[in-house]
N, C-alpha and C. Protein backbone atom coordinates (compact mmCIF):
# COMPACT_ATOMS: atom_id res chain seq x y z
N MET A 1 118.94 80.33 104.56
CA MET A 1 118.29 81.57 104.21
C MET A 1 117.33 81.37 103.04
N ASP A 2 117.79 80.58 102.05
CA ASP A 2 116.98 80.32 100.88
C ASP A 2 115.73 79.54 101.25
N GLU A 3 115.87 78.60 102.19
CA GLU A 3 114.73 77.78 102.62
C GLU A 3 113.69 78.63 103.36
N VAL A 4 114.16 79.55 104.17
CA VAL A 4 113.25 80.44 104.91
C VAL A 4 112.46 81.31 103.93
N LEU A 5 113.14 81.81 102.92
CA LEU A 5 112.48 82.65 101.92
C LEU A 5 111.46 81.84 101.14
N LYS A 6 111.76 80.60 100.82
CA LYS A 6 110.82 79.75 100.10
C LYS A 6 109.58 79.47 100.94
N ARG A 7 109.80 79.24 102.23
CA ARG A 7 108.65 79.00 103.12
C ARG A 7 107.76 80.23 103.20
N ARG A 8 108.36 81.41 103.28
CA ARG A 8 107.57 82.64 103.35
C ARG A 8 106.79 82.87 102.06
N ILE A 9 107.43 82.62 100.92
CA ILE A 9 106.74 82.78 99.64
C ILE A 9 105.58 81.79 99.55
N HIS A 10 105.79 80.56 99.99
CA HIS A 10 104.73 79.56 99.98
C HIS A 10 103.56 80.00 100.88
N LYS A 11 103.89 80.55 102.02
CA LYS A 11 102.86 81.03 102.95
C LYS A 11 102.06 82.18 102.32
N ILE A 12 102.74 83.08 101.65
CA ILE A 12 102.06 84.20 100.99
C ILE A 12 101.17 83.69 99.87
N ARG A 13 101.64 82.69 99.12
CA ARG A 13 100.81 82.13 98.05
C ARG A 13 99.55 81.49 98.59
N LYS A 14 99.68 80.75 99.70
CA LYS A 14 98.50 80.14 100.31
C LYS A 14 97.53 81.20 100.79
N MET A 15 98.06 82.28 101.37
CA MET A 15 97.21 83.37 101.84
C MET A 15 96.51 84.04 100.66
N ASN A 16 97.22 84.22 99.56
CA ASN A 16 96.65 84.84 98.37
C ASN A 16 95.52 83.98 97.81
N ASP A 17 95.72 82.65 97.77
CA ASP A 17 94.67 81.76 97.29
C ASP A 17 93.44 81.81 98.19
N SER A 18 93.67 81.86 99.48
CA SER A 18 92.57 81.95 100.43
C SER A 18 91.78 83.24 100.24
N ILE A 19 92.49 84.33 100.02
CA ILE A 19 91.82 85.62 99.82
C ILE A 19 91.01 85.61 98.53
N LYS A 20 91.56 85.02 97.48
CA LYS A 20 90.83 84.94 96.22
C LYS A 20 89.55 84.14 96.37
N ARG A 21 89.61 83.02 97.10
CA ARG A 21 88.40 82.23 97.34
C ARG A 21 87.37 83.03 98.14
N ARG A 22 87.84 83.78 99.13
CA ARG A 22 86.94 84.59 99.94
C ARG A 22 86.25 85.67 99.12
N VAL A 23 87.01 86.30 98.23
CA VAL A 23 86.44 87.33 97.36
C VAL A 23 85.40 86.72 96.43
N GLU A 24 85.67 85.52 95.91
CA GLU A 24 84.70 84.84 95.05
C GLU A 24 83.41 84.55 95.82
N ILE A 25 83.54 84.12 97.06
CA ILE A 25 82.36 83.83 97.87
C ILE A 25 81.55 85.09 98.09
N TYR A 26 82.22 86.19 98.44
CA TYR A 26 81.50 87.44 98.65
C TYR A 26 80.80 87.91 97.39
N SER A 27 81.42 87.73 96.24
CA SER A 27 80.80 88.19 95.01
C SER A 27 79.63 87.30 94.61
N THR A 28 79.69 85.99 94.89
CA THR A 28 78.58 85.11 94.53
C THR A 28 77.44 85.19 95.54
N LEU A 29 77.69 85.69 96.71
CA LEU A 29 76.60 85.82 97.69
C LEU A 29 75.50 86.75 97.19
N GLY A 30 75.88 87.77 96.45
CA GLY A 30 74.89 88.72 95.96
C GLY A 30 74.01 88.19 94.85
N THR A 31 74.38 87.07 94.25
CA THR A 31 73.61 86.55 93.13
C THR A 31 72.64 85.44 93.53
N LEU A 32 72.50 85.15 94.79
CA LEU A 32 71.58 84.09 95.23
C LEU A 32 70.13 84.52 95.02
N ASP A 33 69.27 83.56 94.69
CA ASP A 33 67.87 83.87 94.38
C ASP A 33 66.91 83.61 95.53
N ASP A 34 67.37 83.01 96.59
CA ASP A 34 66.50 82.71 97.73
C ASP A 34 65.99 84.00 98.35
N ARG A 35 64.68 84.07 98.63
CA ARG A 35 64.06 85.31 99.13
C ARG A 35 64.60 85.70 100.51
N GLY A 36 64.72 84.73 101.40
CA GLY A 36 65.22 85.02 102.74
C GLY A 36 66.68 85.45 102.72
N THR A 37 67.46 84.77 101.89
CA THR A 37 68.87 85.14 101.77
C THR A 37 69.01 86.52 101.16
N ALA A 38 68.19 86.80 100.16
CA ALA A 38 68.24 88.12 99.52
C ALA A 38 67.87 89.22 100.52
N ARG A 39 66.90 88.94 101.38
CA ARG A 39 66.50 89.93 102.39
C ARG A 39 67.63 90.16 103.40
N ALA A 40 68.26 89.06 103.83
CA ALA A 40 69.37 89.18 104.78
C ALA A 40 70.55 89.92 104.16
N LEU A 41 70.87 89.60 102.91
CA LEU A 41 71.96 90.29 102.24
C LEU A 41 71.62 91.75 101.97
N GLY A 42 70.33 92.02 101.71
CA GLY A 42 69.90 93.40 101.51
C GLY A 42 70.12 94.23 102.76
N SER A 43 69.85 93.63 103.93
CA SER A 43 70.09 94.36 105.17
C SER A 43 71.57 94.56 105.41
N LEU A 44 72.39 93.63 104.93
CA LEU A 44 73.83 93.83 105.04
C LEU A 44 74.33 94.90 104.08
N GLN A 45 73.67 95.01 102.93
CA GLN A 45 74.09 96.01 101.96
C GLN A 45 73.64 97.41 102.37
N ARG A 46 72.58 97.48 103.15
CA ARG A 46 72.10 98.77 103.65
C ARG A 46 72.19 98.79 105.17
N ALA A 47 73.39 98.69 105.66
CA ALA A 47 73.61 98.62 107.10
C ALA A 47 73.18 99.94 107.75
N PRO A 48 72.41 99.87 108.82
CA PRO A 48 71.98 101.10 109.47
C PRO A 48 73.13 101.76 110.21
N ALA A 49 73.08 103.04 110.26
CA ALA A 49 74.07 103.81 111.02
C ALA A 49 73.32 104.62 112.07
N PRO A 50 72.95 103.98 113.20
CA PRO A 50 72.13 104.69 114.19
C PRO A 50 72.83 105.89 114.81
N GLY A 51 74.14 105.83 114.91
CA GLY A 51 74.88 106.95 115.50
C GLY A 51 74.75 108.21 114.69
N ARG A 52 74.83 108.09 113.38
CA ARG A 52 74.72 109.26 112.50
C ARG A 52 73.34 109.89 112.62
N LYS A 53 72.32 109.04 112.64
CA LYS A 53 70.95 109.56 112.71
C LYS A 53 70.70 110.28 114.04
N ILE A 54 71.13 109.67 115.12
CA ILE A 54 70.94 110.31 116.43
C ILE A 54 71.74 111.60 116.51
N GLN A 55 72.92 111.59 115.94
CA GLN A 55 73.76 112.78 115.94
C GLN A 55 73.10 113.91 115.15
N LYS A 56 72.52 113.61 114.00
CA LYS A 56 71.84 114.61 113.19
C LYS A 56 70.64 115.19 113.93
N ILE A 57 69.86 114.31 114.55
CA ILE A 57 68.71 114.78 115.33
C ILE A 57 69.17 115.66 116.48
N GLY A 58 70.27 115.27 117.13
CA GLY A 58 70.82 116.08 118.22
C GLY A 58 71.25 117.45 117.75
N PHE A 59 71.88 117.54 116.58
CA PHE A 59 72.27 118.85 116.06
C PHE A 59 71.05 119.69 115.71
N ILE A 60 70.01 119.05 115.15
CA ILE A 60 68.79 119.80 114.84
C ILE A 60 68.16 120.33 116.12
N LEU A 61 68.10 119.50 117.15
CA LEU A 61 67.53 119.95 118.42
C LEU A 61 68.41 121.02 119.07
N PHE A 62 69.72 120.89 118.95
CA PHE A 62 70.64 121.86 119.54
C PHE A 62 70.50 123.23 118.88
N LEU A 63 70.26 123.23 117.59
CA LEU A 63 70.15 124.50 116.87
C LEU A 63 68.74 125.10 116.91
N ALA A 64 67.77 124.35 117.43
CA ALA A 64 66.41 124.88 117.55
C ALA A 64 66.40 125.98 118.62
N PRO A 65 65.56 126.99 118.44
CA PRO A 65 65.60 128.13 119.36
C PRO A 65 65.01 127.90 120.74
N GLU A 66 64.30 126.82 120.96
CA GLU A 66 63.66 126.59 122.26
C GLU A 66 64.69 126.11 123.28
N PRO A 67 64.56 126.48 124.55
CA PRO A 67 65.57 126.13 125.56
C PRO A 67 65.62 124.63 125.89
N PHE A 68 64.48 123.95 125.86
CA PHE A 68 64.48 122.52 126.20
C PHE A 68 65.22 121.70 125.16
N THR A 69 65.07 122.06 123.90
CA THR A 69 65.70 121.26 122.85
C THR A 69 67.22 121.37 122.89
N THR A 70 67.74 122.52 123.35
CA THR A 70 69.19 122.67 123.46
C THR A 70 69.73 121.70 124.51
N VAL A 71 69.02 121.58 125.61
CA VAL A 71 69.45 120.68 126.69
C VAL A 71 69.36 119.22 126.23
N ALA A 72 68.37 118.89 125.43
CA ALA A 72 68.20 117.51 124.96
C ALA A 72 69.12 117.20 123.78
N GLY A 73 69.54 118.21 123.05
CA GLY A 73 70.35 117.98 121.86
C GLY A 73 71.78 117.57 122.16
N VAL A 74 72.37 118.15 123.19
CA VAL A 74 73.78 117.87 123.51
C VAL A 74 74.00 116.39 123.87
N PRO A 75 73.18 115.79 124.75
CA PRO A 75 73.39 114.36 125.04
C PRO A 75 73.16 113.48 123.81
N MET A 76 72.25 113.91 122.94
CA MET A 76 72.01 113.12 121.73
C MET A 76 73.23 113.15 120.80
N ILE A 77 73.90 114.28 120.72
CA ILE A 77 75.11 114.40 119.91
C ILE A 77 76.20 113.49 120.47
N ILE A 78 76.36 113.52 121.78
CA ILE A 78 77.38 112.68 122.43
C ILE A 78 77.05 111.20 122.26
N ALA A 79 75.76 110.85 122.44
CA ALA A 79 75.35 109.45 122.25
C ALA A 79 75.56 109.00 120.81
N GLY A 80 75.30 109.89 119.86
CA GLY A 80 75.51 109.57 118.46
C GLY A 80 76.97 109.31 118.15
N LYS A 81 77.86 110.13 118.73
CA LYS A 81 79.30 109.93 118.53
C LYS A 81 79.73 108.58 119.12
N TYR A 82 79.19 108.23 120.30
CA TYR A 82 79.53 106.96 120.93
C TYR A 82 79.03 105.79 120.09
N LEU A 83 77.79 105.87 119.62
CA LEU A 83 77.25 104.79 118.80
C LEU A 83 77.99 104.65 117.48
N ASP A 84 78.49 105.75 116.97
CA ASP A 84 79.28 105.70 115.74
C ASP A 84 80.55 104.88 115.94
N LYS A 85 81.13 104.98 117.13
CA LYS A 85 82.35 104.22 117.42
C LYS A 85 82.03 102.75 117.67
N VAL A 86 80.89 102.48 118.33
CA VAL A 86 80.55 101.10 118.70
C VAL A 86 79.99 100.33 117.51
N TYR A 87 78.99 100.89 116.81
CA TYR A 87 78.36 100.22 115.68
C TYR A 87 78.90 100.82 114.39
N ASN A 88 79.67 100.05 113.66
CA ASN A 88 80.13 100.58 112.38
C ASN A 88 79.08 100.30 111.32
N GLY A 89 79.02 101.12 110.35
CA GLY A 89 78.04 100.97 109.29
C GLY A 89 78.60 100.26 108.08
N SER A 90 79.55 99.36 108.30
CA SER A 90 80.16 98.69 107.15
C SER A 90 79.19 97.69 106.55
N THR A 91 79.22 97.59 105.25
CA THR A 91 78.33 96.67 104.54
C THR A 91 79.16 95.54 103.95
N ILE A 92 78.48 94.59 103.36
CA ILE A 92 79.20 93.47 102.76
C ILE A 92 80.03 93.93 101.57
N ALA A 93 79.58 94.99 100.90
CA ALA A 93 80.38 95.55 99.80
C ALA A 93 81.71 96.11 100.32
N ASP A 94 81.66 96.75 101.48
CA ASP A 94 82.90 97.26 102.08
C ASP A 94 83.87 96.12 102.41
N ILE A 95 83.32 95.03 102.90
CA ILE A 95 84.16 93.87 103.22
C ILE A 95 84.79 93.31 101.95
N GLY A 96 83.99 93.23 100.88
CA GLY A 96 84.53 92.75 99.61
C GLY A 96 85.62 93.65 99.06
N HIS A 97 85.41 94.98 99.15
CA HIS A 97 86.43 95.93 98.67
C HIS A 97 87.72 95.79 99.47
N GLU A 98 87.59 95.67 100.78
CA GLU A 98 88.79 95.53 101.61
C GLU A 98 89.52 94.22 101.32
N ALA A 99 88.74 93.14 101.09
CA ALA A 99 89.37 91.86 100.76
C ALA A 99 90.11 91.96 99.43
N LYS A 100 89.52 92.65 98.44
CA LYS A 100 90.20 92.83 97.15
C LYS A 100 91.46 93.66 97.30
N ASN A 101 91.39 94.73 98.09
CA ASN A 101 92.58 95.55 98.32
C ASN A 101 93.69 94.75 98.99
N PHE A 102 93.30 93.94 99.97
CA PHE A 102 94.28 93.12 100.67
C PHE A 102 94.89 92.09 99.71
N ALA A 103 94.06 91.49 98.87
CA ALA A 103 94.57 90.52 97.89
C ALA A 103 95.53 91.19 96.92
N ARG A 104 95.22 92.40 96.51
CA ARG A 104 96.10 93.13 95.61
C ARG A 104 97.44 93.43 96.29
N ASN A 105 97.39 93.82 97.55
CA ASN A 105 98.63 94.10 98.28
C ASN A 105 99.48 92.85 98.45
N VAL A 106 98.83 91.73 98.76
CA VAL A 106 99.57 90.48 98.93
C VAL A 106 100.20 90.06 97.62
N SER A 107 99.47 90.19 96.52
CA SER A 107 100.05 89.80 95.23
C SER A 107 101.18 90.74 94.83
N ASP A 108 101.09 92.02 95.18
CA ASP A 108 102.19 92.95 94.93
C ASP A 108 103.45 92.54 95.70
N ILE A 109 103.26 92.17 96.95
CA ILE A 109 104.39 91.73 97.76
C ILE A 109 105.00 90.46 97.18
N LYS A 110 104.12 89.55 96.76
CA LYS A 110 104.60 88.29 96.19
C LYS A 110 105.39 88.55 94.90
N ASP A 111 104.90 89.48 94.06
CA ASP A 111 105.59 89.80 92.82
C ASP A 111 106.94 90.46 93.08
N LYS A 112 107.03 91.28 94.10
CA LYS A 112 108.28 91.95 94.43
C LYS A 112 109.31 90.98 95.01
N MET A 113 108.85 89.89 95.61
CA MET A 113 109.77 88.93 96.22
C MET A 113 110.37 88.00 95.18
N ARG A 114 109.80 87.93 93.99
CA ARG A 114 110.32 87.03 92.95
C ARG A 114 111.58 87.54 92.37
């Protein structure tokens, strides 16, 4: 029993170290000076959310008083909801936050097991 517990603690420690390295990489990615890298990271930091935009346009068309726009607005709202599910608007900052939260949870578990 003691050996199994030691193996699990060792596994959690390795996972915690891996998460810390990953968080460091994500944090240093934002400090690179290369123009192409900065442009690519900028697009990751401002991830487009096409579903939200289409959904907003659909609601505007749906609420417009003309009869044609009401018919065109409903499919746009549905398409926007579908695109929201398919394309998430997560950015690299969101990934970093989730990695930090996960690292904090793993270290809490490790501290409780001691």
